[in-house]
Amino acid sequence: MSIPVALGMPARLSFAERCAALGCVVAARLLTRCSPRRLCRALEAVRRGARPATEPEAARARHAVVTVSVRCAGNGCLQRSVATALLCRLRGHWPQWCTGVRTEPFRAHAWVAVDGRPVGEPDDTRLYQPLLTVPR
């Protein structure tokens, strides 16, 4: 059994889902080149009017993003988290978007969360102290 099927997601994305995810990945790539202040302002503007995302909705968006982008599937956590949030917004909902750091060992990370729980991230994500967030 593959992971997407285990999470209740289809193993393959439709053409429309792939196009939407790819568009969000491209937009996220452009947004991640902005300063942190501009990035947060842009995400806050985009999230207006959206309903809170559920965990399956955020997981499905994350799955679509990592399916269409090798960078997002690898170490591109900032681009992955922004693209996931944007794809959620295209579907009318918004997860909590977070970036944070940990000190032992020092690392920075970006993720999306629902009800304070990181979606699709390793368990050690809870060790990160959030620095920037765009809440639901």
Foldseek 3Di string as FASTA:
>chain_A
DDPCVVLVHDPDDDPVLLVLLVVLLVVLVVLVVDDPVSSLVVLLVLQPQAAADDLSLLLRLLVSNVVNDVCLVPDVQSSSARSSQNSSSVVRHGFKWWWFWAVVPTDIGIATDHPPHGHPDDPCVVRTDTDDINHD
